[in-house]
Amino acid sequence: MSICPKNHSSKARRDSRRANWKMGKMNLVKCSKCGELVMPHRVCKACGSYNKREIVKVED
């Protein structure tokens, strides 16, 4: 078994394969307590709550 590939892949084929590797749009949801946009399944940075319960105390 050889380590090297059998055939050479061109730059166009290599680059077209890499063209689909990109960052997607960030999914944001409204906080159920204060309405701020937060990432899902994370504690809200504005009010410190998760699932309508205060998890972290946030000082103003």
C-alpha atoms as a PDB file:
ATOM      1  CA  MET A   1       0.000   0.000   0.000  1.00  0.00           C
ATOM      2  CA  SER A   2       1.424   3.334  -1.064  1.00  0.00           C
ATOM      3  CA  ILE A   3       1.215   6.541   0.937  1.00  0.00           C
ATOM      4  CA  CYS A   4       1.185   8.786  -2.150  1.00  0.00           C
ATOM      5  CA  PRO A   5      -2.034   9.394  -4.086  1.00  0.00           C
ATOM      6  CA  LYS A   6      -2.365   7.494  -7.362  1.00  0.00           C
ATOM      7  CA  ASN A   7      -3.299  10.534  -9.463  1.00  0.00           C
ATOM      8  CA  HIS A   8      -2.491  14.246  -9.176  1.00  0.00           C
ATOM      9  CA  SER A   9      -5.496  16.454  -8.343  1.00  0.00           C
ATOM     10  CA  SER A  10      -5.455  19.799 -10.127  1.00  0.00           C
ATOM     11  CA  LYS A  11      -5.568  23.182  -8.396  1.00  0.00           C
ATOM     12  CA  ALA A  12      -9.056  23.835  -9.794  1.00  0.00           C
ATOM     13  CA  ARG A  13     -10.427  20.567  -8.396  1.00  0.00           C
ATOM     14  CA  ARG A  14      -8.721  21.167  -5.039  1.00  0.00           C
ATOM     15  CA  ASP A  15      -9.965  24.759  -4.785  1.00  0.00           C
ATOM     16  CA  SER A  16     -13.525  23.921  -5.837  1.00  0.00           C
ATOM     17  CA  ARG A  17     -13.632  21.295  -3.089  1.00  0.00           C
ATOM     18  CA  ARG A  18     -12.452  23.872  -0.538  1.00  0.00           C
ATOM     19  CA  ALA A  19     -14.931  26.533  -1.772  1.00  0.00           C
ATOM     20  CA  ASN A  20     -17.812  25.010   0.219  1.00  0.00           C
ATOM     21  CA  TRP A  21     -15.926  25.188   3.533  1.00  0.00           C
ATOM     22  CA  LYS A  22     -17.266  28.424   4.997  1.00  0.00           C
ATOM     23  CA  MET A  23     -18.752  29.783   8.172  1.00  0.00           C
ATOM     24  CA  GLY A  24     -22.519  29.725   8.461  1.00  0.00           C
ATOM     25  CA  LYS A  25     -24.859  32.377   9.798  1.00  0.00           C
ATOM     26  CA  MET A  26     -25.034  32.500  13.585  1.00  0.00           C
ATOM     27  CA  ASN A  27     -28.341  31.260  15.003  1.00  0.00           C
ATOM     28  CA  LEU A  28     -29.721  33.713  17.567  1.00  0.00           C
ATOM     29  CA  VAL A  29     -32.893  33.469  19.665  1.00  0.00           C
ATOM     30  CA  LYS A  30     -34.618  35.946  21.980  1.00  0.00           C
ATOM     31  CA  CYS A  31     -34.052  35.612  25.714  1.00  0.00           C
ATOM     32  CA  SER A  32     -37.282  34.494  27.371  1.00  0.00           C
ATOM     33  CA  LYS A  33     -36.782  36.927  30.277  1.00  0.00           C
ATOM     34  CA  CYS A  34     -35.405  40.169  28.800  1.00  0.00           C
ATOM     35  CA  GLY A  35     -35.806  39.720  25.018  1.00  0.00           C
ATOM     36  CA  GLU A  36     -32.096  40.184  24.218  1.00  0.00           C
ATOM     37  CA  LEU A  37     -30.662  38.152  21.304  1.00  0.00           C
ATOM     38  CA  VAL A  38     -28.547  35.247  22.613  1.00  0.00           C
ATOM     39  CA  MET A  39     -27.142  31.998  21.271  1.00  0.00           C
ATOM     40  CA  PRO A  40     -29.435  29.031  21.994  1.00  0.00           C
ATOM     41  CA  HIS A  41     -28.745  26.900  25.104  1.00  0.00           C
ATOM     42  CA  ARG A  42     -26.508  29.596  26.636  1.00  0.00           C
ATOM     43  CA  VAL A  43     -26.934  31.886  29.656  1.00  0.00           C
ATOM     44  CA  CYS A  44     -28.053  35.394  28.656  1.00  0.00           C
ATOM     45  CA  LYS A  45     -25.239  37.921  29.125  1.00  0.00           C
ATOM     46  CA  ALA A  46     -27.687  40.787  29.630  1.00  0.00           C
ATOM     47  CA  CYS A  47     -29.765  39.410  32.518  1.00  0.00           C
ATOM     48  CA  GLY A  48     -27.893  36.207  33.517  1.00  0.00           C
ATOM     49  CA  SER A  49     -30.906  33.935  33.110  1.00  0.00           C
ATOM     50  CA  TYR A  50     -31.422  30.593  31.377  1.00  0.00           C
ATOM     51  CA  ASN A  51     -34.836  28.998  30.856  1.00  0.00           C
ATOM     52  CA  LYS A  52     -36.548  31.857  32.792  1.00  0.00           C
ATOM     53  CA  ARG A  53     -34.369  31.201  35.877  1.00  0.00           C
ATOM     54  CA  GLU A  54     -31.566  33.454  37.121  1.00  0.00           C
ATOM     55  CA  ILE A  55     -28.330  31.485  36.910  1.00  0.00           C
ATOM     56  CA  VAL A  56     -25.682  34.236  37.128  1.00  0.00           C
ATOM     57  CA  LYS A  57     -25.990  37.510  39.009  1.00  0.00           C
ATOM     58  CA  VAL A  58     -25.327  40.409  36.616  1.00  0.00           C
ATOM     59  CA  GLU A  59     -24.292  43.754  38.096  1.00  0.00           C
ATOM     60  CA  ASP A  60     -25.489  46.881  36.260  1.00  0.00           C
END
